[in-house]
């Protein structure tokens, strides 16, 4: 059913995660590709894989050690809408198309 809440996953990126090295010295932020990888790896119903990241928007940077929640809802067809939040702060959102 479209709009159906499917899952939520907690994620805390450790302060010593290698992606913080060089991104950026003195003011580290998590690269968006690490967030996208977390979204794809935890996507419910994606046992056959993810066909496409059809949209992704980044609203707020993620600092070392922040606790995040990734939430998924169903869209039409083989799609999933996802969002990432850090408490009440919206970090990123987008849609995936699952392989069928």
C-alpha atoms as a PDB file:
ATOM      1  CA  UNK A   1       0.000   0.000   0.000  1.00  0.00           C
ATOM      2  CA  UNK A   2       1.417   3.385  -1.036  1.00  0.00           C
ATOM      3  CA  UNK A   3       2.478   5.588   1.900  1.00  0.00           C
ATOM      4  CA  UNK A   4       2.734   2.560   4.211  1.00  0.00           C
ATOM      5  CA  UNK A   5       5.441   2.932   6.870  1.00  0.00           C
ATOM      6  CA  UNK A   6       7.792  -0.013   6.372  1.00  0.00           C
ATOM      7  CA  UNK A   7      10.766   0.307   8.705  1.00  0.00           C
ATOM      8  CA  UNK A   8      13.071   2.479  10.745  1.00  0.00           C
ATOM      9  CA  UNK A   9      16.741   1.852  11.423  1.00  0.00           C
ATOM     10  CA  UNK A  10      18.959   3.571  13.955  1.00  0.00           C
ATOM     11  CA  UNK A  11      22.452   4.493  12.811  1.00  0.00           C
ATOM     12  CA  UNK A  12      25.299   6.096  14.710  1.00  0.00           C
ATOM     13  CA  UNK A  13      28.367   6.853  12.662  1.00  0.00           C
ATOM     14  CA  UNK A  14      31.413   6.463  14.906  1.00  0.00           C
ATOM     15  CA  UNK A  15      33.702   9.456  15.261  1.00  0.00           C
ATOM     16  CA  UNK A  16      36.601   7.370  13.935  1.00  0.00           C
ATOM     17  CA  UNK A  17      34.794   6.329  10.723  1.00  0.00           C
ATOM     18  CA  UNK A  18      37.378   6.540   7.894  1.00  0.00           C
ATOM     19  CA  UNK A  19      35.073   8.731   5.774  1.00  0.00           C
ATOM     20  CA  UNK A  20      35.702  11.657   8.135  1.00  0.00           C
ATOM     21  CA  UNK A  21      39.432  11.682   7.349  1.00  0.00           C
ATOM     22  CA  UNK A  22      40.001  14.547   4.924  1.00  0.00           C
ATOM     23  CA  UNK A  23      36.298  15.467   4.761  1.00  0.00           C
ATOM     24  CA  UNK A  24      36.996  18.115   6.086  1.00  0.00           C
ATOM     25  CA  UNK A  25      40.058  18.631   8.338  1.00  0.00           C
ATOM     26  CA  UNK A  26      39.113  20.597  11.436  1.00  0.00           C
ATOM     27  CA  UNK A  27      35.367  20.431  10.688  1.00  0.00           C
ATOM     28  CA  UNK A  28      34.514  16.827   9.716  1.00  0.00           C
ATOM     29  CA  UNK A  29      31.189  16.014   8.060  1.00  0.00           C
ATOM     30  CA  UNK A  30      29.953  12.692   6.741  1.00  0.00           C
ATOM     31  CA  UNK A  31      30.033  12.424   2.934  1.00  0.00           C
ATOM     32  CA  UNK A  32      26.589  11.970   1.350  1.00  0.00           C
ATOM     33  CA  UNK A  33      27.680   8.753  -0.343  1.00  0.00           C
ATOM     34  CA  UNK A  34      28.059   7.121   3.098  1.00  0.00           C
ATOM     35  CA  UNK A  35      24.475   8.074   3.926  1.00  0.00           C
ATOM     36  CA  UNK A  36      23.262   6.721   0.573  1.00  0.00           C
ATOM     37  CA  UNK A  37      25.108   3.460   1.183  1.00  0.00           C
ATOM     38  CA  UNK A  38      23.400   3.117   4.575  1.00  0.00           C
ATOM     39  CA  UNK A  39      19.998   3.774   2.956  1.00  0.00           C
ATOM     40  CA  UNK A  40      20.548   1.166   0.234  1.00  0.00           C
ATOM     41  CA  UNK A  41      22.016  -1.468   2.598  1.00  0.00           C
ATOM     42  CA  UNK A  42      19.067  -1.222   5.009  1.00  0.00           C
ATOM     43  CA  UNK A  43      16.243  -0.840   2.464  1.00  0.00           C
ATOM     44  CA  UNK A  44      13.359  -3.197   3.291  1.00  0.00           C
ATOM     45  CA  UNK A  45      12.396  -5.533   0.468  1.00  0.00           C
ATOM     46  CA  UNK A  46      15.670  -4.961  -1.367  1.00  0.00           C
ATOM     47  CA  UNK A  47      16.855  -8.566  -1.314  1.00  0.00           C
ATOM     48  CA  UNK A  48      16.990  -8.482  -5.135  1.00  0.00           C
ATOM     49  CA  UNK A  49      18.862  -5.177  -4.972  1.00  0.00           C
ATOM     50  CA  UNK A  50      18.236  -1.525  -5.643  1.00  0.00           C
ATOM     51  CA  UNK A  51      17.750  -0.636  -9.292  1.00  0.00           C
ATOM     52  CA  UNK A  52      18.093   3.119  -8.937  1.00  0.00           C
ATOM     53  CA  UNK A  53      18.436   5.990  -6.488  1.00  0.00           C
ATOM     54  CA  UNK A  54      15.865   8.126  -8.249  1.00  0.00           C
ATOM     55  CA  UNK A  55      16.263  11.179  -6.017  1.00  0.00           C
ATOM     56  CA  UNK A  56      18.331  12.338  -3.076  1.00  0.00           C
ATOM     57  CA  UNK A  57      18.389  15.686  -1.290  1.00  0.00           C
ATOM     58  CA  UNK A  58      20.728  16.612   1.537  1.00  0.00           C
ATOM     59  CA  UNK A  59      19.537  19.253   3.986  1.00  0.00           C
ATOM     60  CA  UNK A  60      21.932  19.196   6.938  1.00  0.00           C
ATOM     61  CA  UNK A  61      25.466  17.869   7.531  1.00  0.00           C
ATOM     62  CA  UNK A  62      26.171  14.924   9.824  1.00  0.00           C
ATOM     63  CA  UNK A  63      28.963  15.310  12.372  1.00  0.00           C
ATOM     64  CA  UNK A  64      30.977  12.480  13.964  1.00  0.00           C
ATOM     65  CA  UNK A  65      29.045  10.477  16.546  1.00  0.00           C
ATOM     66  CA  UNK A  66      25.575  11.788  15.688  1.00  0.00           C
ATOM     67  CA  UNK A  67      22.656   9.374  16.044  1.00  0.00           C
ATOM     68  CA  UNK A  68      20.452   9.077  12.974  1.00  0.00           C
ATOM     69  CA  UNK A  69      17.175   7.360  12.104  1.00  0.00           C
ATOM     70  CA  UNK A  70      16.513   6.122   8.569  1.00  0.00           C
ATOM     71  CA  UNK A  71      12.784   5.688   7.836  1.00  0.00           C
ATOM     72  CA  UNK A  72      11.173   4.045   4.807  1.00  0.00           C
ATOM     73  CA  UNK A  73       7.680   4.273   3.296  1.00  0.00           C
ATOM     74  CA  UNK A  74       6.284   2.593   0.201  1.00  0.00           C
ATOM     75  CA  UNK A  75       5.641   4.570  -2.977  1.00  0.00           C
ATOM     76  CA  UNK A  76       3.829   3.490  -6.145  1.00  0.00           C
ATOM     77  CA  UNK A  77       5.260   0.472  -7.941  1.00  0.00           C
ATOM     78  CA  UNK A  78       8.623  -0.810  -6.746  1.00  0.00           C
ATOM     79  CA  UNK A  79       9.579   2.423  -5.013  1.00  0.00           C
ATOM     80  CA  UNK A  80      10.614   3.346  -1.500  1.00  0.00           C
ATOM     81  CA  UNK A  81      10.718   6.839  -0.049  1.00  0.00           C
ATOM     82  CA  UNK A  82      13.399   7.265   2.589  1.00  0.00           C
ATOM     83  CA  UNK A  83      14.312   9.974   5.045  1.00  0.00           C
ATOM     84  CA  UNK A  84      17.143  10.461   7.499  1.00  0.00           C
ATOM     85  CA  UNK A  85      16.770  12.519  10.653  1.00  0.00           C
ATOM     86  CA  UNK A  86      18.945  13.446  13.597  1.00  0.00           C
ATOM     87  CA  UNK A  87      16.348  14.077  16.290  1.00  0.00           C
ATOM     88  CA  UNK A  88      13.983  16.704  14.883  1.00  0.00           C
ATOM     89  CA  UNK A  89      16.543  17.849  12.291  1.00  0.00           C
ATOM     90  CA  UNK A  90      15.951  16.583   8.746  1.00  0.00           C
ATOM     91  CA  UNK A  91      19.254  15.389   7.269  1.00  0.00           C
ATOM     92  CA  UNK A  92      18.308  13.900   3.872  1.00  0.00           C
ATOM     93  CA  UNK A  93      15.484  12.317   1.894  1.00  0.00           C
ATOM     94  CA  UNK A  94      14.830  10.694  -1.443  1.00  0.00           C
ATOM     95  CA  UNK A  95      13.449   7.695  -3.299  1.00  0.00           C
ATOM     96  CA  UNK A  96      14.737   4.307  -4.384  1.00  0.00           C
ATOM     97  CA  UNK A  97      13.502   1.973  -7.109  1.00  0.00           C
ATOM     98  CA  UNK A  98      13.887  -1.669  -6.128  1.00  0.00           C
ATOM     99  CA  UNK A  99      14.989  -4.326  -8.582  1.00  0.00           C
ATOM    100  CA  UNK A 100      12.151  -6.658  -9.504  1.00  0.00           C
END
